[in-house]
Amino acid sequence: MAHEQQQSPQQKELNDYIKYLKERVFFEPQSAPLHYNLGVAYVNKGLPDEAVSEFKQAIQCDPNLAEPYVNLGGLLFQKGDLDQCIEVNLKAVEINPRLPMAHCNLGFAYLQKGEHQKAIESSRKAIELMPQLLRAYNTIAMAHLELDQPDESISAARKMLELNEDFASAHFALAAALRMKGDIAKARGHYEKAKALGLPIDEEVEETWNKLG
């Protein structure tokens, strides 16, 4: 007889919480907070489609609750729907302009669309609200790289390393900016550090760095 897969205490707690929320939602289908909390639980369980459904239902129940828009935007970004990601995060900051993750999501989505100045502006707003938000600094660093502004990228990368010296993306951004300025030796050091910290590097990027010696 096959044995049931053993659940960790954390998994059991999460599954029990989801069961509890689903029961509550059955009796209170118009409760935006219940749908939102269930969406977050589904995210934690690794069920993005179910989470998207719950966040959308939360918005339907209460269009003025900002948090579901932010979480929905993050999932839409993961699905590659940048325009919808931007739309729902703009709605979030319209409702509550003091949500750092909404501005951060906007910055990252704008970066992927090549709208560099918007990416920088949104990320700066995120940092004003949450000064230790590494992802926002990283967006700024990468945007300045793409704008051929290595000094500004270096400044953002060094700020990330002040906050966390083992942040792999900061080392990678610093490596790219230093290489742009011609400081190959220092650039190589930060590139190797980024790899050692586990940053995924594709073959094309690795080949480019190997050509530098």
N, C-alpha and C. Protein backbone atom coordinates (compact mmCIF):
# COMPACT_ATOMS: atom_id res chain seq x y z
N MET A 1 0.86 -1.20 0.00
CA MET A 1 0.00 0.00 0.00
C MET A 1 0.89 1.24 0.00
N ALA A 2 0.56 2.18 -0.87
CA ALA A 2 1.37 3.40 -0.96
C ALA A 2 1.19 4.24 0.29
N HIS A 3 2.29 4.79 0.72
CA HIS A 3 2.24 5.65 1.90
C HIS A 3 1.96 7.09 1.47
N GLU A 4 1.15 7.79 2.22
CA GLU A 4 0.91 9.21 1.95
C GLU A 4 2.18 9.99 2.22
N GLN A 5 2.42 10.97 1.38
CA GLN A 5 3.60 11.80 1.56
C GLN A 5 3.50 12.56 2.88
N GLN A 6 4.56 12.48 3.64
CA GLN A 6 4.57 13.11 4.95
C GLN A 6 4.63 14.63 4.80
N GLN A 7 3.73 15.31 5.47
CA GLN A 7 3.72 16.77 5.44
C GLN A 7 4.61 17.31 6.54
N SER A 8 5.31 18.38 6.23
CA SER A 8 6.04 19.08 7.27
C SER A 8 5.04 19.84 8.13
N PRO A 9 5.42 20.22 9.35
CA PRO A 9 4.50 21.02 10.19
C PRO A 9 4.06 22.31 9.50
N GLN A 10 4.97 22.92 8.75
CA GLN A 10 4.62 24.17 8.06
C GLN A 10 3.59 23.91 6.95
N GLN A 11 3.79 22.81 6.21
CA GLN A 11 2.84 22.48 5.15
C GLN A 11 1.46 22.17 5.72
N LYS A 12 1.44 21.42 6.82
CA LYS A 12 0.16 21.08 7.44
C LYS A 12 -0.54 22.33 7.93
N GLU A 13 0.22 23.25 8.52
CA GLU A 13 -0.37 24.49 9.01
C GLU A 13 -0.95 25.30 7.86
N LEU A 14 -0.21 25.37 6.75
CA LEU A 14 -0.70 26.12 5.59
C LEU A 14 -1.94 25.46 5.00
N ASN A 15 -1.92 24.15 4.87
CA ASN A 15 -3.10 23.44 4.32
C ASN A 15 -4.31 23.60 5.22
N ASP A 16 -4.10 23.55 6.51
CA ASP A 16 -5.21 23.74 7.45
C ASP A 16 -5.76 25.17 7.34
N TYR A 17 -4.86 26.12 7.17
CA TYR A 17 -5.28 27.53 7.05
C TYR A 17 -6.09 27.72 5.77
N ILE A 18 -5.65 27.11 4.67
CA ILE A 18 -6.39 27.22 3.41
C ILE A 18 -7.77 26.59 3.56
N LYS A 19 -7.83 25.44 4.20
CA LYS A 19 -9.13 24.79 4.42
C LYS A 19 -10.05 25.68 5.23
N TYR A 20 -9.50 26.29 6.26
CA TYR A 20 -10.28 27.19 7.11
C TYR A 20 -10.82 28.39 6.30
N LEU A 21 -9.94 28.99 5.48
CA LEU A 21 -10.35 30.15 4.70
C LEU A 21 -11.40 29.78 3.66
N LYS A 22 -11.25 28.63 3.04
CA LYS A 22 -12.23 28.20 2.04
C LYS A 22 -13.60 28.00 2.68
N GLU A 23 -13.60 27.46 3.89
CA GLU A 23 -14.88 27.30 4.60
C GLU A 23 -15.49 28.65 4.93
N ARG A 24 -14.64 29.60 5.36
CA ARG A 24 -15.14 30.94 5.68
C ARG A 24 -15.69 31.63 4.43
N VAL A 25 -14.96 31.50 3.33
CA VAL A 25 -15.38 32.14 2.08
C VAL A 25 -16.72 31.57 1.60
N PHE A 26 -16.92 30.28 1.83
CA PHE A 26 -18.20 29.66 1.42
C PHE A 26 -19.38 30.37 2.08
N PHE A 27 -19.21 30.74 3.34
CA PHE A 27 -20.30 31.39 4.07
C PHE A 27 -20.27 32.91 3.94
N GLU A 28 -19.09 33.47 3.57
CA GLU A 28 -18.98 34.93 3.41
C GLU A 28 -18.35 35.24 2.05
N PRO A 29 -19.04 34.93 0.96
CA PRO A 29 -18.45 35.08 -0.38
C PRO A 29 -18.16 36.52 -0.78
N GLN A 30 -18.74 37.49 -0.08
CA GLN A 30 -18.50 38.89 -0.41
C GLN A 30 -17.42 39.53 0.46
N SER A 31 -16.68 38.73 1.20
CA SER A 31 -15.63 39.26 2.07
C SER A 31 -14.32 39.42 1.30
N ALA A 32 -13.96 40.65 1.00
CA ALA A 32 -12.70 40.92 0.29
C ALA A 32 -11.48 40.45 1.09
N PRO A 33 -11.41 40.73 2.40
CA PRO A 33 -10.24 40.27 3.16
C PRO A 33 -10.07 38.75 3.14
N LEU A 34 -11.18 38.00 3.19
CA LEU A 34 -11.06 36.54 3.15
C LEU A 34 -10.51 36.07 1.81
N HIS A 35 -11.01 36.63 0.72
CA HIS A 35 -10.49 36.27 -0.60
C HIS A 35 -9.01 36.66 -0.72
N TYR A 36 -8.68 37.83 -0.20
CA TYR A 36 -7.28 38.28 -0.26
C TYR A 36 -6.37 37.34 0.53
N ASN A 37 -6.77 37.01 1.75
CA ASN A 37 -5.95 36.13 2.58
C ASN A 37 -5.81 34.74 1.95
N LEU A 38 -6.88 34.28 1.31
CA LEU A 38 -6.82 32.98 0.64
C LEU A 38 -5.87 33.06 -0.56
N GLY A 39 -5.88 34.19 -1.25
CA GLY A 39 -4.95 34.38 -2.35
C GLY A 39 -3.50 34.33 -1.89
N VAL A 40 -3.22 35.00 -0.78
CA VAL A 40 -1.86 34.99 -0.23
C VAL A 40 -1.46 33.57 0.16
N ALA A 41 -2.39 32.84 0.75
CA ALA A 41 -2.11 31.46 1.15
C ALA A 41 -1.81 30.59 -0.08
N TYR A 42 -2.54 30.81 -1.15
CA TYR A 42 -2.28 30.06 -2.38
C TYR A 42 -0.90 30.41 -2.96
N VAL A 43 -0.51 31.68 -2.86
CA VAL A 43 0.83 32.06 -3.30
C VAL A 43 1.87 31.28 -2.51
N ASN A 44 1.69 31.24 -1.20
CA ASN A 44 2.64 30.54 -0.34
C ASN A 44 2.68 29.03 -0.62
N LYS A 45 1.58 28.52 -1.13
CA LYS A 45 1.51 27.09 -1.46
C LYS A 45 2.01 26.81 -2.88
N GLY A 46 2.30 27.88 -3.63
CA GLY A 46 2.77 27.69 -5.00
C GLY A 46 1.67 27.41 -6.00
N LEU A 47 0.50 28.01 -5.78
CA LEU A 47 -0.65 27.84 -6.68
C LEU A 47 -1.03 29.20 -7.26
N PRO A 48 -0.27 29.70 -8.25
CA PRO A 48 -0.50 31.06 -8.74
C PRO A 48 -1.85 31.28 -9.41
N ASP A 49 -2.36 30.29 -10.15
CA ASP A 49 -3.64 30.48 -10.83
C ASP A 49 -4.78 30.64 -9.82
N GLU A 50 -4.74 29.81 -8.78
CA GLU A 50 -5.76 29.93 -7.73
C GLU A 50 -5.63 31.28 -7.01
N ALA A 51 -4.39 31.72 -6.82
CA ALA A 51 -4.16 33.01 -6.16
C ALA A 51 -4.71 34.15 -7.00
N VAL A 52 -4.45 34.12 -8.31
CA VAL A 52 -4.97 35.16 -9.20
C VAL A 52 -6.48 35.24 -9.09
N SER A 53 -7.14 34.10 -9.09
CA SER A 53 -8.61 34.07 -8.99
C SER A 53 -9.08 34.72 -7.70
N GLU A 54 -8.42 34.42 -6.58
CA GLU A 54 -8.85 34.97 -5.30
C GLU A 54 -8.59 36.48 -5.23
N PHE A 55 -7.45 36.94 -5.75
CA PHE A 55 -7.18 38.37 -5.73
C PHE A 55 -8.20 39.13 -6.59
N LYS A 56 -8.57 38.55 -7.72
CA LYS A 56 -9.59 39.19 -8.57
C LYS A 56 -10.94 39.24 -7.87
N GLN A 57 -11.26 38.18 -7.14
CA GLN A 57 -12.52 38.18 -6.40
C GLN A 57 -12.48 39.20 -5.26
N ALA A 58 -11.34 39.34 -4.62
CA ALA A 58 -11.21 40.35 -3.57
C ALA A 58 -11.46 41.74 -4.13
N ILE A 59 -10.92 42.00 -5.32
CA ILE A 59 -11.11 43.31 -5.97
C ILE A 59 -12.56 43.52 -6.33
N GLN A 60 -13.22 42.48 -6.81
CA GLN A 60 -14.65 42.59 -7.13
C GLN A 60 -15.47 42.92 -5.89
N CYS A 61 -15.08 42.32 -4.76
CA CYS A 61 -15.83 42.56 -3.52
C CYS A 61 -15.57 43.96 -2.97
N ASP A 62 -14.34 44.44 -3.13
CA ASP A 62 -13.98 45.77 -2.61
C ASP A 62 -12.94 46.40 -3.53
N PRO A 63 -13.37 47.16 -4.54
CA PRO A 63 -12.44 47.76 -5.50
C PRO A 63 -11.48 48.78 -4.88
N ASN A 64 -11.74 49.19 -3.64
CA ASN A 64 -10.88 50.18 -2.97
C ASN A 64 -9.88 49.55 -2.01
N LEU A 65 -9.76 48.23 -2.02
CA LEU A 65 -8.75 47.55 -1.21
C LEU A 65 -7.50 47.40 -2.08
N ALA A 66 -6.44 48.10 -1.69
CA ALA A 66 -5.27 48.23 -2.57
C ALA A 66 -4.43 46.96 -2.65
N GLU A 67 -4.29 46.24 -1.55
CA GLU A 67 -3.33 45.14 -1.49
C GLU A 67 -3.57 44.05 -2.55
N PRO A 68 -4.82 43.67 -2.83
CA PRO A 68 -4.99 42.64 -3.87
C PRO A 68 -4.45 43.06 -5.23
N TYR A 69 -4.53 44.35 -5.55
CA TYR A 69 -3.98 44.82 -6.82
C TYR A 69 -2.46 44.58 -6.86
N VAL A 70 -1.79 44.86 -5.74
CA VAL A 70 -0.34 44.70 -5.69
C VAL A 70 0.05 43.24 -5.90
N ASN A 71 -0.61 42.36 -5.17
CA ASN A 71 -0.29 40.94 -5.28
C ASN A 71 -0.67 40.38 -6.64
N LEU A 72 -1.79 40.83 -7.17
CA LEU A 72 -2.19 40.41 -8.51
C LEU A 72 -1.16 40.87 -9.53
N GLY A 73 -0.67 42.10 -9.36
CA GLY A 73 0.34 42.62 -10.27
C GLY A 73 1.60 41.80 -10.28
N GLY A 74 2.03 41.36 -9.10
CA GLY A 74 3.23 40.53 -9.03
C GLY A 74 3.06 39.22 -9.78
N LEU A 75 1.88 38.61 -9.66
CA LEU A 75 1.63 37.35 -10.35
C LEU A 75 1.52 37.55 -11.86
N LEU A 76 0.91 38.66 -12.26
CA LEU A 76 0.80 38.96 -13.69
C LEU A 76 2.18 39.19 -14.30
N PHE A 77 3.07 39.81 -13.51
CA PHE A 77 4.44 39.99 -13.99
C PHE A 77 5.10 38.63 -14.22
N GLN A 78 4.92 37.71 -13.29
CA GLN A 78 5.50 36.38 -13.43
C GLN A 78 4.96 35.67 -14.66
N LYS A 79 3.72 35.97 -15.03
CA LYS A 79 3.12 35.36 -16.22
C LYS A 79 3.52 36.09 -17.50
N GLY A 80 4.29 37.17 -17.38
CA GLY A 80 4.75 37.90 -18.55
C GLY A 80 3.79 38.95 -19.06
N ASP A 81 2.72 39.23 -18.31
CA ASP A 81 1.73 40.23 -18.75
C ASP A 81 2.11 41.58 -18.13
N LEU A 82 3.07 42.26 -18.76
CA LEU A 82 3.60 43.50 -18.19
C LEU A 82 2.56 44.62 -18.19
N ASP A 83 1.77 44.71 -19.25
CA ASP A 83 0.80 45.81 -19.32
C ASP A 83 -0.25 45.70 -18.22
N GLN A 84 -0.76 44.48 -18.00
CA GLN A 84 -1.73 44.30 -16.93
C GLN A 84 -1.09 44.49 -15.56
N CYS A 85 0.16 44.07 -15.42
CA CYS A 85 0.89 44.29 -14.18
C CYS A 85 0.96 45.77 -13.86
N ILE A 86 1.31 46.56 -14.85
CA ILE A 86 1.40 48.01 -14.66
C ILE A 86 0.03 48.59 -14.34
N GLU A 87 -0.98 48.13 -15.05
CA GLU A 87 -2.33 48.68 -14.85
C GLU A 87 -2.82 48.47 -13.42
N VAL A 88 -2.67 47.25 -12.89
CA VAL A 88 -3.22 46.99 -11.56
C VAL A 88 -2.37 47.65 -10.48
N ASN A 89 -1.05 47.77 -10.69
CA ASN A 89 -0.23 48.46 -9.69
C ASN A 89 -0.45 49.96 -9.71
N LEU A 90 -0.74 50.52 -10.88
CA LEU A 90 -1.12 51.94 -10.93
C LEU A 90 -2.42 52.16 -10.16
N LYS A 91 -3.34 51.21 -10.27
CA LYS A 91 -4.58 51.32 -9.51
C LYS A 91 -4.29 51.25 -8.02
N ALA A 92 -3.34 50.40 -7.63
CA ALA A 92 -2.99 50.28 -6.20
C ALA A 92 -2.46 51.60 -5.66
N VAL A 93 -1.55 52.25 -6.40
CA VAL A 93 -0.98 53.50 -5.89
C VAL A 93 -1.97 54.65 -5.99
N GLU A 94 -2.96 54.52 -6.89
CA GLU A 94 -4.04 55.51 -6.92
C GLU A 94 -4.85 55.44 -5.62
N ILE A 95 -5.10 54.22 -5.17
CA ILE A 95 -5.85 54.03 -3.93
C ILE A 95 -5.01 54.40 -2.72
N ASN A 96 -3.76 53.93 -2.71
CA ASN A 96 -2.86 54.18 -1.59
C ASN A 96 -1.45 54.41 -2.12
N PRO A 97 -1.03 55.67 -2.24
CA PRO A 97 0.29 55.96 -2.81
C PRO A 97 1.47 55.57 -1.93
N ARG A 98 1.20 55.06 -0.73
CA ARG A 98 2.28 54.72 0.20
C ARG A 98 2.49 53.21 0.29
N LEU A 99 2.35 52.53 -0.83
CA LEU A 99 2.60 51.09 -0.88
C LEU A 99 3.91 50.85 -1.63
N PRO A 100 5.00 50.60 -0.91
CA PRO A 100 6.30 50.48 -1.58
C PRO A 100 6.36 49.38 -2.62
N MET A 101 5.71 48.24 -2.35
CA MET A 101 5.80 47.14 -3.31
C MET A 101 5.07 47.45 -4.61
N ALA A 102 4.04 48.27 -4.56
CA ALA A 102 3.36 48.66 -5.80
C ALA A 102 4.30 49.48 -6.67
N HIS A 103 4.99 50.45 -6.07
CA HIS A 103 5.96 51.25 -6.82
C HIS A 103 7.12 50.37 -7.31
N CYS A 104 7.53 49.43 -6.48
CA CYS A 104 8.62 48.53 -6.85
C CYS A 104 8.22 47.66 -8.04
N ASN A 105 7.00 47.11 -8.00
CA ASN A 105 6.50 46.32 -9.12
C ASN A 105 6.45 47.14 -10.40
N LEU A 106 6.00 48.38 -10.26
CA LEU A 106 5.94 49.25 -11.43
C LEU A 106 7.33 49.48 -12.01
N GLY A 107 8.30 49.73 -11.13
CA GLY A 107 9.65 49.96 -11.60
C GLY A 107 10.19 48.78 -12.37
N PHE A 108 9.99 47.58 -11.85
CA PHE A 108 10.52 46.38 -12.50
C PHE A 108 9.81 46.13 -13.83
N ALA A 109 8.48 46.35 -13.87
CA ALA A 109 7.74 46.15 -15.13
C ALA A 109 8.16 47.17 -16.18
N TYR A 110 8.32 48.43 -15.76
CA TYR A 110 8.78 49.46 -16.71
C TYR A 110 10.17 49.12 -17.24
N LEU A 111 11.03 48.59 -16.39
CA LEU A 111 12.37 48.20 -16.83
C LEU A 111 12.28 47.15 -17.93
N GLN A 112 11.43 46.15 -17.73
CA GLN A 112 11.29 45.09 -18.73
C GLN A 112 10.73 45.62 -20.04
N LYS A 113 9.96 46.68 -19.98
CA LYS A 113 9.39 47.28 -21.20
C LYS A 113 10.35 48.28 -21.85
N GLY A 114 11.48 48.53 -21.20
CA GLY A 114 12.45 49.47 -21.74
C GLY A 114 12.13 50.93 -21.46
N GLU A 115 11.22 51.17 -20.51
CA GLU A 115 10.86 52.54 -20.13
C GLU A 115 11.70 52.91 -18.91
N HIS A 116 12.95 53.26 -19.17
CA HIS A 116 13.96 53.34 -18.12
C HIS A 116 13.70 54.47 -17.12
N GLN A 117 13.33 55.63 -17.59
CA GLN A 117 13.11 56.75 -16.67
C GLN A 117 11.92 56.47 -15.75
N LYS A 118 10.87 55.89 -16.29
CA LYS A 118 9.74 55.51 -15.44
C LYS A 118 10.16 54.46 -14.42
N ALA A 119 11.01 53.54 -14.86
CA ALA A 119 11.50 52.50 -13.94
C ALA A 119 12.27 53.12 -12.79
N ILE A 120 13.11 54.10 -13.10
CA ILE A 120 13.91 54.76 -12.07
C ILE A 120 13.02 55.55 -11.13
N GLU A 121 12.08 56.30 -11.69
CA GLU A 121 11.20 57.13 -10.86
C GLU A 121 10.35 56.28 -9.92
N SER A 122 9.76 55.21 -10.43
CA SER A 122 8.93 54.35 -9.58
C SER A 122 9.77 53.68 -8.49
N SER A 123 10.97 53.26 -8.84
CA SER A 123 11.84 52.60 -7.87
C SER A 123 12.28 53.57 -6.78
N ARG A 124 12.54 54.81 -7.15
CA ARG A 124 12.90 55.81 -6.14
C ARG A 124 11.75 56.06 -5.18
N LYS A 125 10.53 56.06 -5.68
CA LYS A 125 9.38 56.23 -4.79
C LYS A 125 9.29 55.05 -3.82
N ALA A 126 9.57 53.85 -4.33
CA ALA A 126 9.55 52.66 -3.47
C ALA A 126 10.58 52.79 -2.35
N ILE A 127 11.77 53.28 -2.70
CA ILE A 127 12.85 53.41 -1.71
C ILE A 127 12.53 54.49 -0.69
N GLU A 128 11.86 55.55 -1.11
CA GLU A 128 11.45 56.59 -0.16
C GLU A 128 10.57 55.99 0.93
N LEU A 129 9.73 55.03 0.53
CA LEU A 129 8.80 54.41 1.47
C LEU A 129 9.42 53.25 2.23
N MET A 130 10.40 52.58 1.60
CA MET A 130 11.07 51.44 2.23
C MET A 130 12.55 51.49 1.85
N PRO A 131 13.35 52.20 2.64
CA PRO A 131 14.74 52.46 2.27
C PRO A 131 15.62 51.22 2.10
N GLN A 132 15.20 50.08 2.60
CA GLN A 132 16.01 48.86 2.48
C GLN A 132 15.51 47.92 1.39
N LEU A 133 14.74 48.45 0.45
CA LEU A 133 14.15 47.61 -0.59
C LEU A 133 15.18 47.35 -1.69
N LEU A 134 15.89 46.24 -1.57
CA LEU A 134 16.99 45.92 -2.47
C LEU A 134 16.54 45.82 -3.93
N ARG A 135 15.39 45.23 -4.14
CA ARG A 135 14.91 45.03 -5.51
C ARG A 135 14.74 46.37 -6.24
N ALA A 136 14.32 47.40 -5.52
CA ALA A 136 14.14 48.71 -6.15
C ALA A 136 15.49 49.30 -6.53
N TYR A 137 16.48 49.18 -5.64
CA TYR A 137 17.83 49.63 -5.99
C TYR A 137 18.36 48.88 -7.20
N ASN A 138 18.07 47.58 -7.25
CA ASN A 138 18.56 46.78 -8.38
C ASN A 138 17.95 47.24 -9.69
N THR A 139 16.66 47.58 -9.66
CA THR A 139 16.02 48.11 -10.87
C THR A 139 16.70 49.40 -11.31
N ILE A 140 17.01 50.26 -10.36
CA ILE A 140 17.69 51.52 -10.69
C ILE A 140 19.06 51.23 -11.30
N ALA A 141 19.79 50.31 -10.70
CA ALA A 141 21.12 49.98 -11.21
C ALA A 141 21.05 49.45 -12.64
N MET A 142 20.11 48.56 -12.91
CA MET A 142 20.00 47.97 -14.23
C MET A 142 19.50 48.99 -15.25
N ALA A 143 18.59 49.87 -14.84
CA ALA A 143 18.09 50.90 -15.76
C ALA A 143 19.21 51.83 -16.18
N HIS A 144 20.05 52.23 -15.23
CA HIS A 144 21.17 53.12 -15.58
C HIS A 144 22.19 52.40 -16.46
N LEU A 145 22.36 51.11 -16.26
CA LEU A 145 23.24 50.36 -17.16
C LEU A 145 22.73 50.41 -18.58
N GLU A 146 21.43 50.20 -18.74
CA GLU A 146 20.85 50.20 -20.08
C GLU A 146 20.84 51.59 -20.70
N LEU A 147 20.95 52.61 -19.86
CA LEU A 147 21.05 53.99 -20.34
C LEU A 147 22.50 54.42 -20.54
N ASP A 148 23.45 53.47 -20.39
CA ASP A 148 24.88 53.76 -20.50
C ASP A 148 25.32 54.83 -19.50
N GLN A 149 24.85 54.65 -18.26
CA GLN A 149 25.21 55.57 -17.17
C GLN A 149 25.83 54.76 -16.04
N PRO A 150 27.08 54.30 -16.24
CA PRO A 150 27.69 53.38 -15.25
C PRO A 150 27.89 53.98 -13.88
N ASP A 151 28.19 55.29 -13.78
CA ASP A 151 28.43 55.88 -12.46
C ASP A 151 27.17 55.80 -11.60
N GLU A 152 26.03 56.11 -12.20
CA GLU A 152 24.77 56.04 -11.46
C GLU A 152 24.45 54.59 -11.07
N SER A 153 24.78 53.66 -11.97
CA SER A 153 24.55 52.25 -11.67
C SER A 153 25.45 51.79 -10.52
N ILE A 154 26.70 52.23 -10.54
CA ILE A 154 27.64 51.88 -9.46
C ILE A 154 27.13 52.40 -8.12
N SER A 155 26.61 53.60 -8.12
CA SER A 155 26.08 54.18 -6.87
C SER A 155 24.96 53.33 -6.30
N ALA A 156 24.03 52.90 -7.17
CA ALA A 156 22.92 52.07 -6.71
C ALA A 156 23.42 50.70 -6.25
N ALA A 157 24.38 50.13 -6.97
CA ALA A 157 24.91 48.81 -6.60
C ALA A 157 25.63 48.87 -5.25
N ARG A 158 26.40 49.91 -5.03
CA ARG A 158 27.12 50.03 -3.76
C ARG A 158 26.14 50.22 -2.60
N LYS A 159 25.04 50.90 -2.85
CA LYS A 159 24.03 51.04 -1.80
C LYS A 159 23.44 49.67 -1.46
N MET A 160 23.21 48.85 -2.48
CA MET A 160 22.71 47.50 -2.21
C MET A 160 23.69 46.72 -1.35
N LEU A 161 24.98 46.85 -1.66
CA LEU A 161 25.98 46.10 -0.90
C LEU A 161 26.14 46.62 0.51
N GLU A 162 25.85 47.90 0.74
CA GLU A 162 25.83 48.42 2.10
C GLU A 162 24.72 47.75 2.91
N LEU A 163 23.61 47.49 2.23
CA LEU A 163 22.47 46.85 2.90
C LEU A 163 22.67 45.36 3.05
N ASN A 164 23.31 44.74 2.04
CA ASN A 164 23.54 43.28 2.07
C ASN A 164 24.74 42.97 1.19
N GLU A 165 25.88 42.72 1.81
CA GLU A 165 27.10 42.50 1.04
C GLU A 165 27.09 41.20 0.25
N ASP A 166 26.13 40.33 0.54
CA ASP A 166 26.02 39.06 -0.17
C ASP A 166 24.85 39.03 -1.15
N PHE A 167 24.42 40.20 -1.60
CA PHE A 167 23.33 40.27 -2.58
C PHE A 167 23.93 40.10 -3.97
N ALA A 168 23.67 38.93 -4.57
CA ALA A 168 24.34 38.56 -5.82
C ALA A 168 24.06 39.54 -6.94
N SER A 169 22.82 40.01 -7.05
CA SER A 169 22.47 40.92 -8.15
C SER A 169 23.23 42.23 -8.06
N ALA A 170 23.56 42.67 -6.84
CA ALA A 170 24.34 43.89 -6.67
C ALA A 170 25.75 43.70 -7.22
N HIS A 171 26.35 42.56 -6.94
CA HIS A 171 27.68 42.29 -7.47
C HIS A 171 27.66 42.22 -9.00
N PHE A 172 26.60 41.64 -9.55
CA PHE A 172 26.51 41.54 -11.01
C PHE A 172 26.36 42.93 -11.64
N ALA A 173 25.50 43.76 -11.06
CA ALA A 173 25.32 45.11 -11.59
C ALA A 173 26.62 45.90 -11.49
N LEU A 174 27.32 45.76 -10.37
CA LEU A 174 28.57 46.47 -10.18
C LEU A 174 29.62 45.97 -11.18
N ALA A 175 29.64 44.68 -11.43
CA ALA A 175 30.57 44.11 -12.41
C ALA A 175 30.31 44.70 -13.80
N ALA A 176 29.05 44.75 -14.18
CA ALA A 176 28.71 45.27 -15.50
C ALA A 176 29.08 46.74 -15.64
N ALA A 177 28.83 47.52 -14.59
CA ALA A 177 29.13 48.95 -14.63
C ALA A 177 30.63 49.19 -14.66
N LEU A 178 31.37 48.44 -13.87
CA LEU A 178 32.84 48.59 -13.86
C LEU A 178 33.44 48.16 -15.20
N ARG A 179 32.87 47.13 -15.79
CA ARG A 179 33.35 46.70 -17.12
C ARG A 179 33.09 47.81 -18.15
N MET A 180 31.95 48.45 -18.03
CA MET A 180 31.61 49.54 -18.94
C MET A 180 32.62 50.69 -18.83
N LYS A 181 33.14 50.88 -17.60
CA LYS A 181 34.12 51.93 -17.37
C LYS A 181 35.56 51.48 -17.67
N GLY A 182 35.73 50.22 -18.03
CA GLY A 182 37.06 49.72 -18.40
C GLY A 182 37.87 49.15 -17.26
N ASP A 183 37.28 49.03 -16.07
CA ASP A 183 37.99 48.47 -14.92
C ASP A 183 37.73 46.96 -14.88
N ILE A 184 38.40 46.24 -15.77
CA ILE A 184 38.09 44.83 -15.99
C ILE A 184 38.44 43.98 -14.78
N ALA A 185 39.56 44.27 -14.11
CA ALA A 185 39.98 43.44 -12.98
C ALA A 185 38.94 43.47 -11.85
N LYS A 186 38.51 44.66 -11.47
CA LYS A 186 37.50 44.76 -10.41
C LYS A 186 36.17 44.19 -10.89
N ALA A 187 35.85 44.43 -12.15
CA ALA A 187 34.60 43.90 -12.70
C ALA A 187 34.58 42.38 -12.60
N ARG A 188 35.69 41.74 -12.99
CA ARG A 188 35.78 40.28 -12.93
C ARG A 188 35.59 39.77 -11.51
N GLY A 189 36.14 40.46 -10.53
CA GLY A 189 35.99 40.05 -9.14
C GLY A 189 34.54 40.04 -8.70
N HIS A 190 33.80 41.08 -9.06
CA HIS A 190 32.39 41.14 -8.66
C HIS A 190 31.55 40.14 -9.47
N TYR A 191 31.93 39.90 -10.72
CA TYR A 191 31.22 38.91 -11.52
C TYR A 191 31.37 37.52 -10.90
N GLU A 192 32.57 37.16 -10.51
CA GLU A 192 32.80 35.86 -9.89
C GLU A 192 32.08 35.75 -8.55
N LYS A 193 32.03 36.87 -7.83
CA LYS A 193 31.32 36.88 -6.54
C LYS A 193 29.82 36.64 -6.76
N ALA A 194 29.27 37.26 -7.80
CA ALA A 194 27.85 37.06 -8.12
C ALA A 194 27.58 35.59 -8.42
N LYS A 195 28.45 34.97 -9.18
CA LYS A 195 28.28 33.55 -9.49
C LYS A 195 28.40 32.69 -8.24
N ALA A 196 29.40 33.00 -7.40
CA ALA A 196 29.60 32.23 -6.18
C ALA A 196 28.40 32.32 -5.25
N LEU A 197 27.68 33.42 -5.31
CA LEU A 197 26.50 33.61 -4.46
C LEU A 197 25.25 33.00 -5.07
N GLY A 198 25.41 32.37 -6.26
CA GLY A 198 24.29 31.62 -6.83
C GLY A 198 23.49 32.33 -7.89
N LEU A 199 23.96 33.47 -8.38
CA LEU A 199 23.20 34.15 -9.43
C LEU A 199 23.24 33.32 -10.71
N PRO A 200 22.06 33.00 -11.28
CA PRO A 200 22.05 32.22 -12.53
C PRO A 200 22.69 33.03 -13.67
N ILE A 201 23.63 32.40 -14.37
CA ILE A 201 24.32 33.05 -15.48
C ILE A 201 24.13 32.17 -16.72
N ASP A 202 23.57 32.76 -17.79
CA ASP A 202 23.39 31.94 -18.99
C ASP A 202 24.71 31.84 -19.78
N GLU A 203 24.73 30.91 -20.72
CA GLU A 203 25.96 30.61 -21.45
C GLU A 203 26.47 31.81 -22.25
N GLU A 204 25.55 32.58 -22.81
CA GLU A 204 25.95 33.74 -23.62
C GLU A 204 26.68 34.78 -22.78
N VAL A 205 26.15 35.05 -21.58
CA VAL A 205 26.79 36.00 -20.68
C VAL A 205 28.16 35.48 -20.24
N GLU A 206 28.22 34.20 -19.90
CA GLU A 206 29.48 33.60 -19.46
C GLU A 206 30.53 33.68 -20.57
N GLU A 207 30.11 33.42 -21.80
CA GLU A 207 31.05 33.49 -22.92
C GLU A 207 31.58 34.90 -23.11
N THR A 208 30.70 35.89 -22.94
CA THR A 208 31.12 37.28 -23.07
C THR A 208 32.19 37.63 -22.04
N TRP A 209 31.98 37.19 -20.80
CA TRP A 209 32.96 37.48 -19.74
C TRP A 209 34.26 36.73 -19.95
N ASN A 210 34.16 35.52 -20.44
CA ASN A 210 35.39 34.74 -20.68
C ASN A 210 36.28 35.39 -21.74
N LYS A 211 35.68 36.05 -22.68
CA LYS A 211 36.46 36.72 -23.72
C LYS A 211 37.29 37.88 -23.16
N LEU A 212 36.87 38.38 -22.00
CA LEU A 212 37.62 39.49 -21.39
C LEU A 212 38.90 39.03 -20.72
N GLY A 213 39.00 37.73 -20.49
CA GLY A 213 40.20 37.19 -19.86
C GLY A 213 40.12 37.27 -18.36
